[in-house]
């Protein structure tokens, strides 16, 4: 497999960046809301919703990304969020 095929979908179109889908927009929105939160409780809630949205996006990309590159990015984000940090 040539390196260029890593970035192409089944129709041969390059698929590196696409318009953000709903889970990615939710991640950004909840993340911004958590940074602007006035109470620790609301900040925690928005932070958890942000993380859940990112995990959902990563699962979607890993399972059905349009190119091997997008599936790899999804798996890397998923691993980075799930695996323990030392």
C-alpha atoms as a PDB file:
ATOM      1  CA  UNK A   1       0.000   0.000   0.000  1.00  0.00           C
ATOM      2  CA  UNK A   2       1.443   3.326  -1.034  1.00  0.00           C
ATOM      3  CA  UNK A   3       1.572   6.064   1.580  1.00  0.00           C
ATOM      4  CA  UNK A   4      -0.862   8.165  -0.451  1.00  0.00           C
ATOM      5  CA  UNK A   5      -3.488   5.411  -0.148  1.00  0.00           C
ATOM      6  CA  UNK A   6      -3.352   5.869   3.622  1.00  0.00           C
ATOM      7  CA  UNK A   7      -5.087   9.235   3.144  1.00  0.00           C
ATOM      8  CA  UNK A   8      -7.619   8.164   0.492  1.00  0.00           C
ATOM      9  CA  UNK A   9     -11.116   6.756   0.821  1.00  0.00           C
ATOM     10  CA  UNK A  10     -12.521   3.885  -1.245  1.00  0.00           C
ATOM     11  CA  UNK A  11     -13.293   6.261  -4.117  1.00  0.00           C
ATOM     12  CA  UNK A  12      -9.738   7.567  -4.270  1.00  0.00           C
ATOM     13  CA  UNK A  13     -10.514  10.979  -2.741  1.00  0.00           C
ATOM     14  CA  UNK A  14      -8.078  12.373  -0.177  1.00  0.00           C
ATOM     15  CA  UNK A  15      -9.754  12.385   3.255  1.00  0.00           C
ATOM     16  CA  UNK A  16      -7.591  14.094   5.845  1.00  0.00           C
ATOM     17  CA  UNK A  17      -9.767  16.945   7.116  1.00  0.00           C
ATOM     18  CA  UNK A  18     -13.532  17.201   6.898  1.00  0.00           C
ATOM     19  CA  UNK A  19     -16.167  19.464   8.352  1.00  0.00           C
ATOM     20  CA  UNK A  20     -16.634  18.635  12.051  1.00  0.00           C
ATOM     21  CA  UNK A  21     -19.516  16.335  12.854  1.00  0.00           C
ATOM     22  CA  UNK A  22     -21.910  16.731  15.793  1.00  0.00           C
ATOM     23  CA  UNK A  23     -19.852  14.863  18.445  1.00  0.00           C
ATOM     24  CA  UNK A  24     -16.772  16.949  17.635  1.00  0.00           C
ATOM     25  CA  UNK A  25     -18.776  20.177  17.777  1.00  0.00           C
ATOM     26  CA  UNK A  26     -20.277  19.040  21.098  1.00  0.00           C
ATOM     27  CA  UNK A  27     -16.773  18.334  22.457  1.00  0.00           C
ATOM     28  CA  UNK A  28     -15.655  21.856  21.561  1.00  0.00           C
ATOM     29  CA  UNK A  29     -18.833  23.467  22.890  1.00  0.00           C
ATOM     30  CA  UNK A  30     -18.833  21.597  26.191  1.00  0.00           C
ATOM     31  CA  UNK A  31     -15.104  22.229  26.572  1.00  0.00           C
ATOM     32  CA  UNK A  32     -15.599  25.961  26.081  1.00  0.00           C
ATOM     33  CA  UNK A  33     -18.529  25.930  28.503  1.00  0.00           C
ATOM     34  CA  UNK A  34     -16.420  24.162  31.134  1.00  0.00           C
ATOM     35  CA  UNK A  35     -13.750  26.864  30.860  1.00  0.00           C
ATOM     36  CA  UNK A  36     -16.345  29.611  31.330  1.00  0.00           C
ATOM     37  CA  UNK A  37     -18.264  27.887  34.119  1.00  0.00           C
ATOM     38  CA  UNK A  38     -18.974  29.935  37.215  1.00  0.00           C
ATOM     39  CA  UNK A  39     -19.388  27.007  39.603  1.00  0.00           C
ATOM     40  CA  UNK A  40     -17.212  23.928  40.116  1.00  0.00           C
ATOM     41  CA  UNK A  41     -20.259  21.670  39.760  1.00  0.00           C
ATOM     42  CA  UNK A  42     -21.150  23.091  36.332  1.00  0.00           C
ATOM     43  CA  UNK A  43     -17.494  23.009  35.301  1.00  0.00           C
ATOM     44  CA  UNK A  44     -17.277  19.315  36.209  1.00  0.00           C
ATOM     45  CA  UNK A  45     -20.485  18.484  34.347  1.00  0.00           C
ATOM     46  CA  UNK A  46     -19.376  20.293  31.199  1.00  0.00           C
ATOM     47  CA  UNK A  47     -15.943  18.668  31.409  1.00  0.00           C
ATOM     48  CA  UNK A  48     -17.475  15.184  31.629  1.00  0.00           C
ATOM     49  CA  UNK A  49     -19.857  15.886  28.736  1.00  0.00           C
ATOM     50  CA  UNK A  50     -16.906  17.166  26.706  1.00  0.00           C
ATOM     51  CA  UNK A  51     -14.928  13.976  27.348  1.00  0.00           C
ATOM     52  CA  UNK A  52     -17.898  11.722  26.526  1.00  0.00           C
ATOM     53  CA  UNK A  53     -18.417  13.610  23.249  1.00  0.00           C
ATOM     54  CA  UNK A  54     -14.751  13.180  22.318  1.00  0.00           C
ATOM     55  CA  UNK A  55     -14.829   9.468  23.156  1.00  0.00           C
ATOM     56  CA  UNK A  56     -17.958   9.022  21.041  1.00  0.00           C
ATOM     57  CA  UNK A  57     -16.306  10.842  18.124  1.00  0.00           C
ATOM     58  CA  UNK A  58     -13.188   8.673  18.476  1.00  0.00           C
ATOM     59  CA  UNK A  59     -15.281   5.491  18.469  1.00  0.00           C
ATOM     60  CA  UNK A  60     -17.123   6.641  15.340  1.00  0.00           C
ATOM     61  CA  UNK A  61     -13.865   7.474  13.548  1.00  0.00           C
ATOM     62  CA  UNK A  62     -12.189   4.221  14.603  1.00  0.00           C
ATOM     63  CA  UNK A  63     -15.124   2.135  13.417  1.00  0.00           C
ATOM     64  CA  UNK A  64     -16.115   4.033  10.290  1.00  0.00           C
ATOM     65  CA  UNK A  65     -13.564   6.662   9.318  1.00  0.00           C
ATOM     66  CA  UNK A  66     -13.452   7.290   5.580  1.00  0.00           C
ATOM     67  CA  UNK A  67      -9.716   6.661   5.253  1.00  0.00           C
ATOM     68  CA  UNK A  68      -7.122   4.638   7.148  1.00  0.00           C
ATOM     69  CA  UNK A  69      -5.663   7.938   8.361  1.00  0.00           C
ATOM     70  CA  UNK A  70      -8.972   9.011   9.934  1.00  0.00           C
ATOM     71  CA  UNK A  71      -9.423   5.585  11.547  1.00  0.00           C
ATOM     72  CA  UNK A  72      -5.893   5.823  12.962  1.00  0.00           C
ATOM     73  CA  UNK A  73      -6.538   9.299  14.367  1.00  0.00           C
ATOM     74  CA  UNK A  74      -9.738   8.021  15.989  1.00  0.00           C
ATOM     75  CA  UNK A  75      -7.907   5.079  17.549  1.00  0.00           C
ATOM     76  CA  UNK A  76      -5.086   7.326  18.798  1.00  0.00           C
ATOM     77  CA  UNK A  77      -7.519   9.751  20.431  1.00  0.00           C
ATOM     78  CA  UNK A  78      -9.446   6.858  21.956  1.00  0.00           C
ATOM     79  CA  UNK A  79      -6.256   5.308  23.339  1.00  0.00           C
ATOM     80  CA  UNK A  80      -5.062   8.650  24.647  1.00  0.00           C
ATOM     81  CA  UNK A  81      -8.293   9.224  26.526  1.00  0.00           C
ATOM     82  CA  UNK A  82      -8.798   5.696  27.862  1.00  0.00           C
ATOM     83  CA  UNK A  83      -5.297   4.485  28.744  1.00  0.00           C
ATOM     84  CA  UNK A  84      -3.943   5.567  32.130  1.00  0.00           C
ATOM     85  CA  UNK A  85      -1.352   8.330  32.225  1.00  0.00           C
ATOM     86  CA  UNK A  86       1.769   7.915  34.300  1.00  0.00           C
END
